[in-house]
Amino acid sequence: MPGSPDSDPFRELQREMGRLLDALPGLQAWRIGHPFPAMNLMETADRYIITAELPGQESAGIELSVAGQSLTVRGERPSSPIRDDAYRRKERLTGAWSRTYNFPTRFDPERISAVLTRGVLVIELPKVEDVRVRRISVTMASE
């Protein structure tokens, strides 16, 4: 039917271009952004805190490893049971991902904690005692 949204040649071209980009895994990651989940890294006086958005992820599918002053977080987003050609648009990536952080100061690998709550992973890396910021009070000398 002329004038209907389905007969718009530009909309059809856009739909076909989206399907083409979705079919090419390398371009899909480029088009969407990063192949790993969104993560934030914060630093306080006594620890580093990483938060990661992992909707639908199970804790058993997340792996943390430490090597020197680096922490690597790995996981795998589960595939959908729906066939790829059934999607009109597919923006959520599936498959394995990995992210490595290198820290400028030492943290205690024995005291790292990681908790997954409602799709948000919180990793806390306590700093080693000798690199924590300490305030030193200054006193007046008696004359």
Protein backbone atom coordinates (compact mmCIF):
# COMPACT_ATOMS: atom_id res chain seq x y z
CA MET A 1 0.00 0.00 0.00
CA PRO A 2 1.58 3.35 -1.04
CA GLY A 3 2.42 5.68 1.82
CA SER A 4 2.43 2.96 4.48
CA PRO A 5 5.59 2.66 6.64
CA ASP A 6 6.23 -0.84 5.27
CA SER A 7 6.54 0.46 1.70
CA ASP A 8 9.11 3.15 2.55
CA PRO A 9 12.24 2.22 0.53
CA PHE A 10 14.55 3.95 2.99
CA ARG A 11 13.10 2.03 5.93
CA GLU A 12 13.53 -1.22 3.99
CA LEU A 13 17.14 -0.27 3.17
CA GLN A 14 17.80 0.51 6.85
CA ARG A 15 16.28 -2.85 7.87
CA GLU A 16 18.43 -4.74 5.35
CA MET A 17 21.60 -2.89 6.41
CA GLY A 18 20.85 -3.79 10.03
CA ARG A 19 20.48 -7.45 9.08
CA LEU A 20 23.76 -7.33 7.14
CA LEU A 21 25.63 -5.82 10.10
CA ASP A 22 24.03 -8.33 12.48
CA ALA A 23 25.24 -11.19 10.27
CA LEU A 24 28.89 -10.12 10.48
CA PRO A 25 30.20 -10.74 14.04
CA GLY A 26 33.19 -8.39 13.72
CA LEU A 27 31.00 -5.52 12.57
CA GLN A 28 28.37 -6.31 15.16
CA ALA A 29 30.80 -5.58 18.01
CA TRP A 30 31.97 -2.40 16.28
CA ARG A 31 28.42 -1.24 15.73
CA ILE A 32 27.22 -1.91 19.26
CA GLY A 33 30.30 -0.89 21.20
CA HIS A 34 32.41 -3.02 23.47
CA PRO A 35 32.14 -6.81 23.43
CA PHE A 36 32.32 -6.87 27.24
CA PRO A 37 29.73 -5.68 29.78
CA ALA A 38 29.66 -2.10 31.03
CA MET A 39 31.91 -1.77 34.09
CA ASN A 40 32.79 1.04 36.47
CA LEU A 41 36.03 1.25 38.47
CA MET A 42 36.17 3.38 41.61
CA GLU A 43 38.97 3.98 44.09
CA THR A 44 38.67 4.87 47.76
CA ALA A 45 41.42 5.34 50.31
CA ASP A 46 41.46 1.64 51.23
CA ARG A 47 40.07 -0.28 48.22
CA TYR A 48 39.21 -0.52 44.55
CA ILE A 49 35.59 -1.26 43.65
CA ILE A 50 34.46 -2.60 40.28
CA THR A 51 30.78 -2.81 39.36
CA ALA A 52 29.60 -4.63 36.26
CA GLU A 53 26.17 -4.94 34.69
CA LEU A 54 25.56 -8.62 33.91
CA PRO A 55 21.82 -9.15 33.32
CA GLY A 56 20.87 -12.82 33.17
CA GLN A 57 24.36 -13.98 34.19
CA GLU A 58 24.75 -16.75 36.77
CA SER A 59 27.55 -16.49 39.35
CA ALA A 60 28.90 -19.88 38.23
CA GLY A 61 29.56 -18.40 34.78
CA ILE A 62 31.84 -15.64 36.07
CA GLU A 63 35.57 -16.19 36.60
CA LEU A 64 37.99 -13.87 38.41
CA SER A 65 41.75 -14.35 38.27
CA VAL A 66 44.68 -12.38 39.66
CA ALA A 67 48.20 -12.15 38.22
CA GLY A 68 50.50 -9.64 39.90
CA GLN A 69 48.65 -6.33 40.03
CA SER A 70 46.10 -7.31 37.39
CA LEU A 71 42.58 -8.63 37.79
CA THR A 72 40.82 -10.40 34.92
CA VAL A 73 37.05 -10.86 34.86
CA ARG A 74 35.68 -13.43 32.40
CA GLY A 75 32.24 -14.69 31.56
CA GLU A 76 29.95 -15.80 28.82
CA ARG A 77 26.61 -14.31 27.87
CA PRO A 78 24.21 -17.15 27.13
CA SER A 79 22.90 -17.55 23.59
CA SER A 80 19.21 -17.15 22.92
CA PRO A 81 17.19 -20.17 21.76
CA ILE A 82 15.76 -17.92 19.03
CA ARG A 83 17.32 -18.26 15.56
CA ASP A 84 19.42 -15.26 14.49
CA ASP A 85 17.46 -14.78 11.28
CA ALA A 86 14.26 -14.27 13.32
CA TYR A 87 15.57 -11.02 14.82
CA ARG A 88 14.70 -7.70 13.23
CA ARG A 89 17.37 -6.10 15.42
CA LYS A 90 19.84 -7.79 17.72
CA GLU A 91 21.92 -5.46 19.90
CA ARG A 92 22.75 -7.62 22.92
CA LEU A 93 25.93 -9.59 22.34
CA THR A 94 26.26 -13.23 23.29
CA GLY A 95 29.32 -15.37 23.82
CA ALA A 96 32.53 -15.17 25.80
CA TRP A 97 33.97 -11.88 27.07
CA SER A 98 36.99 -10.86 29.11
CA ARG A 99 38.20 -7.67 30.77
CA THR A 100 41.57 -7.05 32.49
CA TYR A 101 42.36 -4.21 34.88
CA ASN A 102 45.90 -3.19 35.85
CA PHE A 103 46.21 -1.36 39.16
CA PRO A 104 48.85 1.25 40.06
CA THR A 105 49.01 0.22 43.72
CA ARG A 106 49.01 -3.17 45.38
CA PHE A 107 45.86 -4.91 46.53
CA ASP A 108 45.47 -7.98 48.74
CA PRO A 109 44.42 -10.92 46.51
CA GLU A 110 43.45 -13.01 49.56
CA ARG A 111 40.78 -10.48 50.60
CA ILE A 112 39.05 -9.86 47.24
CA SER A 113 35.27 -10.27 47.39
CA ALA A 114 32.81 -10.60 44.51
CA VAL A 115 29.02 -10.56 44.91
CA LEU A 116 26.40 -10.82 42.16
CA THR A 117 23.05 -9.26 43.10
CA ARG A 118 20.18 -8.85 40.62
CA GLY A 119 22.50 -8.76 37.62
CA VAL A 120 25.07 -6.38 39.13
CA LEU A 121 28.50 -7.75 40.06
CA VAL A 122 30.42 -5.85 42.76
CA ILE A 123 34.10 -6.72 43.17
CA GLU A 124 36.06 -5.20 46.06
CA LEU A 125 39.86 -5.29 46.11
CA PRO A 126 41.25 -4.11 49.48
CA LYS A 127 44.55 -2.27 49.15
CA VAL A 128 47.61 -3.60 50.95
CA GLU A 129 48.08 -1.82 54.27
CA ASP A 130 51.34 -0.10 53.30
CA VAL A 131 49.75 1.70 50.32
CA ARG A 132 46.68 3.02 52.08
CA VAL A 133 46.48 6.75 52.54
CA ARG A 134 47.18 7.71 56.13
CA ARG A 135 46.69 11.08 57.68
CA ILE A 136 49.48 12.26 59.95
CA SER A 137 48.66 14.86 62.52
CA VAL A 138 51.01 17.78 62.98
CA THR A 139 51.55 19.03 66.50
CA MET A 140 53.01 22.26 67.74
CA ALA A 141 56.44 22.01 69.27
CA SER A 142 56.71 23.29 72.82
CA GLU A 143 59.20 26.11 73.30
